[in-house]
Amino acid sequence: MTAQGAPDAASPTPIPPAEPDAAAIDARVAAALERLGIPHERMPCDPALADTAAFCAHYGVPPEQTGNTIIVASRKEPKVHAACVVLATSRLDVNHAVTRLLAVKRLSFASAEETRRVTGMLVGGVTIFGLPEEMPIYVDERVMRLPEVILGGGSRSWKLRVAPAELLRVPGIRVVEGLAQDA
């Protein structure tokens, strides 16, 4: 790395920023799982491999068994945010399905900084457990067809394996047909 934190020629991929609040995030997610009584398996993950493609390749997990939690944001003030869970093999229909659900005209994917600000989590670790209570959570119905799904664990150091039916214990969660399309 150079003095400014940019990758140098010997470092072809940038190293994700450190998570100064990783312990607090892990505690918040663990408390949410405990409070909701959700059985799960915590899977350690090298933070540098937390992004879905790298995680699946390194740990031998099929992408069709992983879910991505994506934070979306309205473009106009007052900002409206939502968390959407889709399979890694699909693409969130942010322009149609999610705008209808949130009743806003224009949405975009929240930036990494905005995601961190509203969830306390870094991209690659975002999960639906421990999100702000007022944030709507939408899950693509295809996620619910799996016997188990691997989701972010709150920090980039963990993934969670859960039965999709257990996601229904999260207050306010909504399963949506057509939330995502095949990638």
C-alpha atoms as a PDB file:
ATOM      1  CA  MET A   1       0.000   0.000   0.000  1.00  0.00           C
ATOM      2  CA  THR A   2       1.145   3.530  -0.639  1.00  0.00           C
ATOM      3  CA  ALA A   3       1.201   6.135   2.111  1.00  0.00           C
ATOM      4  CA  GLN A   4      -2.227   7.377   0.999  1.00  0.00           C
ATOM      5  CA  GLY A   5      -3.733   3.892   1.408  1.00  0.00           C
ATOM      6  CA  ALA A   6      -4.019   3.155  -2.311  1.00  0.00           C
ATOM      7  CA  PRO A   7      -2.893  -0.248  -3.551  1.00  0.00           C
ATOM      8  CA  ASP A   8       0.585  -0.336  -5.018  1.00  0.00           C
ATOM      9  CA  ALA A   9       1.680  -2.330  -8.059  1.00  0.00           C
ATOM     10  CA  ALA A  10       2.414  -5.415  -5.937  1.00  0.00           C
ATOM     11  CA  SER A  11      -1.143  -5.453  -4.553  1.00  0.00           C
ATOM     12  CA  PRO A  12      -3.546  -6.129  -7.450  1.00  0.00           C
ATOM     13  CA  THR A  13      -6.749  -6.091  -5.367  1.00  0.00           C
ATOM     14  CA  PRO A  14      -7.493  -3.512  -2.704  1.00  0.00           C
ATOM     15  CA  ILE A  15      -7.682  -4.792   0.844  1.00  0.00           C
ATOM     16  CA  PRO A  16     -11.050  -4.020   2.447  1.00  0.00           C
ATOM     17  CA  PRO A  17     -10.962  -1.361   5.157  1.00  0.00           C
ATOM     18  CA  ALA A  18     -10.627  -2.560   8.718  1.00  0.00           C
ATOM     19  CA  GLU A  19     -13.822  -2.837  10.730  1.00  0.00           C
ATOM     20  CA  PRO A  20     -13.178  -0.826  13.866  1.00  0.00           C
ATOM     21  CA  ASP A  21     -16.592  -1.794  15.243  1.00  0.00           C
ATOM     22  CA  ALA A  22     -16.491  -5.481  14.226  1.00  0.00           C
ATOM     23  CA  ALA A  23     -16.815  -6.713  17.825  1.00  0.00           C
ATOM     24  CA  ALA A  24     -19.811  -4.448  18.447  1.00  0.00           C
ATOM     25  CA  ILE A  25     -21.427  -5.542  15.176  1.00  0.00           C
ATOM     26  CA  ASP A  26     -20.809  -9.212  15.980  1.00  0.00           C
ATOM     27  CA  ALA A  27     -22.386  -8.697  19.430  1.00  0.00           C
ATOM     28  CA  ARG A  28     -25.410  -6.893  17.932  1.00  0.00           C
ATOM     29  CA  VAL A  29     -25.991  -9.664  15.362  1.00  0.00           C
ATOM     30  CA  ALA A  30     -25.523 -12.413  17.981  1.00  0.00           C
ATOM     31  CA  ALA A  31     -28.006 -10.653  20.288  1.00  0.00           C
ATOM     32  CA  ALA A  32     -30.570 -10.367  17.472  1.00  0.00           C
ATOM     33  CA  LEU A  33     -30.207 -14.059  16.583  1.00  0.00           C
ATOM     34  CA  GLU A  34     -30.529 -15.023  20.251  1.00  0.00           C
ATOM     35  CA  ARG A  35     -33.539 -12.747  20.849  1.00  0.00           C
ATOM     36  CA  LEU A  36     -35.312 -14.182  17.793  1.00  0.00           C
ATOM     37  CA  GLY A  37     -34.368 -17.775  18.647  1.00  0.00           C
ATOM     38  CA  ILE A  38     -32.908 -18.390  15.184  1.00  0.00           C
ATOM     39  CA  PRO A  39     -30.808 -21.567  14.887  1.00  0.00           C
ATOM     40  CA  HIS A  40     -27.731 -20.861  12.807  1.00  0.00           C
ATOM     41  CA  GLU A  41     -24.156 -21.861  12.127  1.00  0.00           C
ATOM     42  CA  ARG A  42     -21.496 -19.181  12.350  1.00  0.00           C
ATOM     43  CA  MET A  43     -18.832 -19.685   9.704  1.00  0.00           C
ATOM     44  CA  PRO A  44     -15.471 -17.885  10.068  1.00  0.00           C
ATOM     45  CA  CYS A  45     -14.389 -16.002   6.971  1.00  0.00           C
ATOM     46  CA  ASP A  46     -11.175 -14.258   6.000  1.00  0.00           C
ATOM     47  CA  PRO A  47     -12.293 -10.586   5.740  1.00  0.00           C
ATOM     48  CA  ALA A  48     -10.337 -10.234   2.483  1.00  0.00           C
ATOM     49  CA  LEU A  49     -12.537 -13.020   1.029  1.00  0.00           C
ATOM     50  CA  ALA A  50     -15.926 -11.814   2.327  1.00  0.00           C
ATOM     51  CA  ASP A  51     -17.270 -10.615  -1.028  1.00  0.00           C
ATOM     52  CA  THR A  52     -19.534 -13.324  -2.448  1.00  0.00           C
ATOM     53  CA  ALA A  53     -17.527 -14.423  -5.487  1.00  0.00           C
ATOM     54  CA  ALA A  54     -14.270 -14.634  -3.522  1.00  0.00           C
ATOM     55  CA  PHE A  55     -15.968 -16.363  -0.587  1.00  0.00           C
ATOM     56  CA  CYS A  56     -17.641 -18.987  -2.794  1.00  0.00           C
ATOM     57  CA  ALA A  57     -14.472 -19.689  -4.781  1.00  0.00           C
ATOM     58  CA  HIS A  58     -12.207 -19.948  -1.739  1.00  0.00           C
ATOM     59  CA  TYR A  59     -14.532 -21.900   0.570  1.00  0.00           C
ATOM     60  CA  GLY A  60     -16.112 -24.119  -2.108  1.00  0.00           C
ATOM     61  CA  VAL A  61     -19.642 -22.828  -1.539  1.00  0.00           C
ATOM     62  CA  PRO A  62     -21.978 -22.852  -4.561  1.00  0.00           C
ATOM     63  CA  PRO A  63     -23.157 -19.279  -5.319  1.00  0.00           C
ATOM     64  CA  GLU A  64     -26.734 -20.562  -5.678  1.00  0.00           C
ATOM     65  CA  GLN A  65     -26.670 -21.352  -1.931  1.00  0.00           C
ATOM     66  CA  THR A  66     -25.634 -17.853  -0.886  1.00  0.00           C
ATOM     67  CA  GLY A  67     -27.722 -14.766  -0.377  1.00  0.00           C
ATOM     68  CA  ASN A  68     -26.635 -11.160  -0.660  1.00  0.00           C
ATOM     69  CA  THR A  69     -28.149  -8.516   1.589  1.00  0.00           C
ATOM     70  CA  ILE A  70     -28.238  -5.318  -0.443  1.00  0.00           C
ATOM     71  CA  ILE A  71     -29.085  -1.918   0.987  1.00  0.00           C
ATOM     72  CA  VAL A  72     -30.985   0.401  -1.338  1.00  0.00           C
ATOM     73  CA  ALA A  73     -31.675   4.104  -0.852  1.00  0.00           C
ATOM     74  CA  SER A  74     -34.083   6.620  -2.314  1.00  0.00           C
ATOM     75  CA  ARG A  75     -32.411   9.328  -4.324  1.00  0.00           C
ATOM     76  CA  LYS A  76     -34.422  12.180  -2.834  1.00  0.00           C
ATOM     77  CA  GLU A  77     -34.701  13.436   0.717  1.00  0.00           C
ATOM     78  CA  PRO A  78     -35.944  12.350   3.104  1.00  0.00           C
ATOM     79  CA  LYS A  79     -33.896   9.241   2.448  1.00  0.00           C
ATOM     80  CA  VAL A  80     -35.662   5.902   2.599  1.00  0.00           C
ATOM     81  CA  HIS A  81     -33.600   2.715   2.964  1.00  0.00           C
ATOM     82  CA  ALA A  82     -34.436  -0.963   2.669  1.00  0.00           C
ATOM     83  CA  ALA A  83     -32.543  -4.231   2.933  1.00  0.00           C
ATOM     84  CA  CYS A  84     -33.113  -6.763   0.162  1.00  0.00           C
ATOM     85  CA  VAL A  85     -31.965 -10.386   0.260  1.00  0.00           C
ATOM     86  CA  VAL A  86     -31.456 -12.069  -3.096  1.00  0.00           C
ATOM     87  CA  LEU A  87     -29.545 -15.120  -4.252  1.00  0.00           C
ATOM     88  CA  ALA A  88     -26.004 -14.474  -5.431  1.00  0.00           C
ATOM     89  CA  THR A  89     -27.046 -15.886  -8.804  1.00  0.00           C
ATOM     90  CA  SER A  90     -29.758 -13.265  -9.302  1.00  0.00           C
ATOM     91  CA  ARG A  91     -30.030  -9.517  -9.784  1.00  0.00           C
ATOM     92  CA  LEU A  92     -32.153  -7.259  -7.551  1.00  0.00           C
ATOM     93  CA  ASP A  93     -34.930  -5.517  -9.509  1.00  0.00           C
ATOM     94  CA  VAL A  94     -34.310  -2.167  -7.855  1.00  0.00           C
ATOM     95  CA  ASN A  95     -35.901  -0.065 -10.621  1.00  0.00           C
ATOM     96  CA  HIS A  96     -39.270  -1.808 -10.614  1.00  0.00           C
ATOM     97  CA  ALA A  97     -39.971  -4.204  -7.750  1.00  0.00           C
ATOM     98  CA  VAL A  98     -38.257  -2.283  -4.959  1.00  0.00           C
ATOM     99  CA  THR A  99     -39.444   1.173  -6.058  1.00  0.00           C
ATOM    100  CA  ARG A 100     -43.031  -0.167  -5.983  1.00  0.00           C
ATOM    101  CA  LEU A 101     -42.542  -1.692  -2.539  1.00  0.00           C
ATOM    102  CA  LEU A 102     -41.133   1.540  -1.098  1.00  0.00           C
ATOM    103  CA  ALA A 103     -43.491   3.790  -3.095  1.00  0.00           C
ATOM    104  CA  VAL A 104     -40.666   6.025  -4.302  1.00  0.00           C
ATOM    105  CA  LYS A 105     -39.857   7.166  -7.811  1.00  0.00           C
ATOM    106  CA  ARG A 106     -36.112   6.530  -7.872  1.00  0.00           C
ATOM    107  CA  LEU A 107     -33.846   4.206  -5.929  1.00  0.00           C
ATOM    108  CA  SER A 108     -30.235   3.267  -6.172  1.00  0.00           C
ATOM    109  CA  PHE A 109     -27.902   0.860  -4.466  1.00  0.00           C
ATOM    110  CA  ALA A 110     -26.578   2.500  -1.316  1.00  0.00           C
ATOM    111  CA  SER A 111     -22.884   3.292  -1.551  1.00  0.00           C
ATOM    112  CA  ALA A 112     -20.485   1.381   0.668  1.00  0.00           C
ATOM    113  CA  GLU A 113     -20.209   4.445   2.928  1.00  0.00           C
ATOM    114  CA  GLU A 114     -23.975   4.918   3.132  1.00  0.00           C
ATOM    115  CA  THR A 115     -24.431   1.202   3.839  1.00  0.00           C
ATOM    116  CA  ARG A 116     -21.935   1.461   6.692  1.00  0.00           C
ATOM    117  CA  ARG A 117     -23.564   4.610   8.035  1.00  0.00           C
ATOM    118  CA  VAL A 118     -27.125   3.208   8.135  1.00  0.00           C
ATOM    119  CA  THR A 119     -26.308  -0.394   9.161  1.00  0.00           C
ATOM    120  CA  GLY A 120     -22.932  -0.206  10.925  1.00  0.00           C
ATOM    121  CA  MET A 121     -21.818  -3.017   8.598  1.00  0.00           C
ATOM    122  CA  LEU A 122     -19.406  -3.181   5.688  1.00  0.00           C
ATOM    123  CA  VAL A 123     -20.390  -4.491   2.280  1.00  0.00           C
ATOM    124  CA  GLY A 124     -19.532  -8.192   2.235  1.00  0.00           C
ATOM    125  CA  GLY A 125     -20.803  -8.654   5.770  1.00  0.00           C
ATOM    126  CA  VAL A 126     -24.234  -7.020   5.718  1.00  0.00           C
ATOM    127  CA  THR A 127     -26.977  -9.185   7.207  1.00  0.00           C
ATOM    128  CA  ILE A 128     -30.641  -8.684   8.054  1.00  0.00           C
ATOM    129  CA  PHE A 129     -30.015  -9.519  11.718  1.00  0.00           C
ATOM    130  CA  GLY A 130     -29.419  -6.443  13.837  1.00  0.00           C
ATOM    131  CA  LEU A 131     -30.569  -3.834  11.309  1.00  0.00           C
ATOM    132  CA  PRO A 132     -32.388  -0.717  12.496  1.00  0.00           C
ATOM    133  CA  GLU A 133     -35.966  -1.717  13.399  1.00  0.00           C
ATOM    134  CA  GLU A 134     -37.544   0.821  11.047  1.00  0.00           C
ATOM    135  CA  MET A 135     -35.715  -0.516   7.975  1.00  0.00           C
ATOM    136  CA  PRO A 136     -37.963  -2.609   5.695  1.00  0.00           C
ATOM    137  CA  ILE A 137     -36.539  -6.029   4.822  1.00  0.00           C
ATOM    138  CA  TYR A 138     -37.521  -7.787   1.602  1.00  0.00           C
ATOM    139  CA  VAL A 139     -36.489 -11.336   0.696  1.00  0.00           C
ATOM    140  CA  ASP A 140     -36.777 -12.755  -2.811  1.00  0.00           C
ATOM    141  CA  GLU A 141     -39.038 -15.797  -2.727  1.00  0.00           C
ATOM    142  CA  ARG A 142     -36.350 -17.923  -4.405  1.00  0.00           C
ATOM    143  CA  VAL A 143     -34.241 -17.655  -1.243  1.00  0.00           C
ATOM    144  CA  MET A 144     -37.078 -19.337   0.643  1.00  0.00           C
ATOM    145  CA  ARG A 145     -36.946 -22.438  -1.594  1.00  0.00           C
ATOM    146  CA  LEU A 146     -33.470 -23.435  -0.360  1.00  0.00           C
ATOM    147  CA  PRO A 147     -32.949 -25.907   2.476  1.00  0.00           C
ATOM    148  CA  GLU A 148     -30.322 -23.507   3.846  1.00  0.00           C
ATOM    149  CA  VAL A 149     -28.751 -20.223   2.781  1.00  0.00           C
ATOM    150  CA  ILE A 150     -25.469 -18.554   3.655  1.00  0.00           C
ATOM    151  CA  LEU A 151     -25.742 -14.843   4.470  1.00  0.00           C
ATOM    152  CA  GLY A 152     -23.400 -12.164   5.703  1.00  0.00           C
ATOM    153  CA  GLY A 153     -22.650 -12.376   9.392  1.00  0.00           C
ATOM    154  CA  GLY A 154     -22.602  -8.668  10.268  1.00  0.00           C
ATOM    155  CA  SER A 155     -18.859  -8.245   9.911  1.00  0.00           C
ATOM    156  CA  ARG A 156     -16.636  -9.381   7.078  1.00  0.00           C
ATOM    157  CA  SER A 157     -15.184 -12.032   9.434  1.00  0.00           C
ATOM    158  CA  TRP A 158     -18.307 -14.211   9.581  1.00  0.00           C
ATOM    159  CA  LYS A 159     -20.999 -15.771   7.452  1.00  0.00           C
ATOM    160  CA  LEU A 160     -24.204 -17.327   8.759  1.00  0.00           C
ATOM    161  CA  ARG A 161     -25.813 -20.553   7.582  1.00  0.00           C
ATOM    162  CA  VAL A 162     -29.545 -20.561   8.321  1.00  0.00           C
ATOM    163  CA  ALA A 163     -32.701 -22.300   7.158  1.00  0.00           C
ATOM    164  CA  PRO A 164     -34.631 -19.698   5.129  1.00  0.00           C
ATOM    165  CA  ALA A 165     -37.850 -20.443   7.050  1.00  0.00           C
ATOM    166  CA  GLU A 166     -36.078 -19.012  10.119  1.00  0.00           C
ATOM    167  CA  LEU A 167     -35.819 -15.622   8.396  1.00  0.00           C
ATOM    168  CA  LEU A 168     -39.561 -15.249   8.906  1.00  0.00           C
ATOM    169  CA  ARG A 169     -38.888 -14.695  12.624  1.00  0.00           C
ATOM    170  CA  VAL A 170     -37.407 -11.281  11.819  1.00  0.00           C
ATOM    171  CA  PRO A 171     -40.112  -8.685  12.559  1.00  0.00           C
ATOM    172  CA  GLY A 172     -41.459  -6.933   9.495  1.00  0.00           C
ATOM    173  CA  ILE A 173     -39.735  -9.169   6.966  1.00  0.00           C
ATOM    174  CA  ARG A 174     -41.589  -9.579   3.711  1.00  0.00           C
ATOM    175  CA  VAL A 175     -41.089 -12.344   1.146  1.00  0.00           C
ATOM    176  CA  VAL A 176     -41.571 -10.931  -2.349  1.00  0.00           C
ATOM    177  CA  GLU A 177     -42.097 -12.808  -5.588  1.00  0.00           C
ATOM    178  CA  GLY A 178     -40.091 -11.212  -8.389  1.00  0.00           C
ATOM    179  CA  LEU A 179     -37.819  -9.140  -6.143  1.00  0.00           C
ATOM    180  CA  ALA A 180     -34.900 -10.366  -8.256  1.00  0.00           C
ATOM    181  CA  GLN A 181     -34.309 -11.669 -11.751  1.00  0.00           C
ATOM    182  CA  ASP A 182     -31.886 -14.292 -13.018  1.00  0.00           C
ATOM    183  CA  ALA A 183     -28.451 -12.779 -13.505  1.00  0.00           C
END
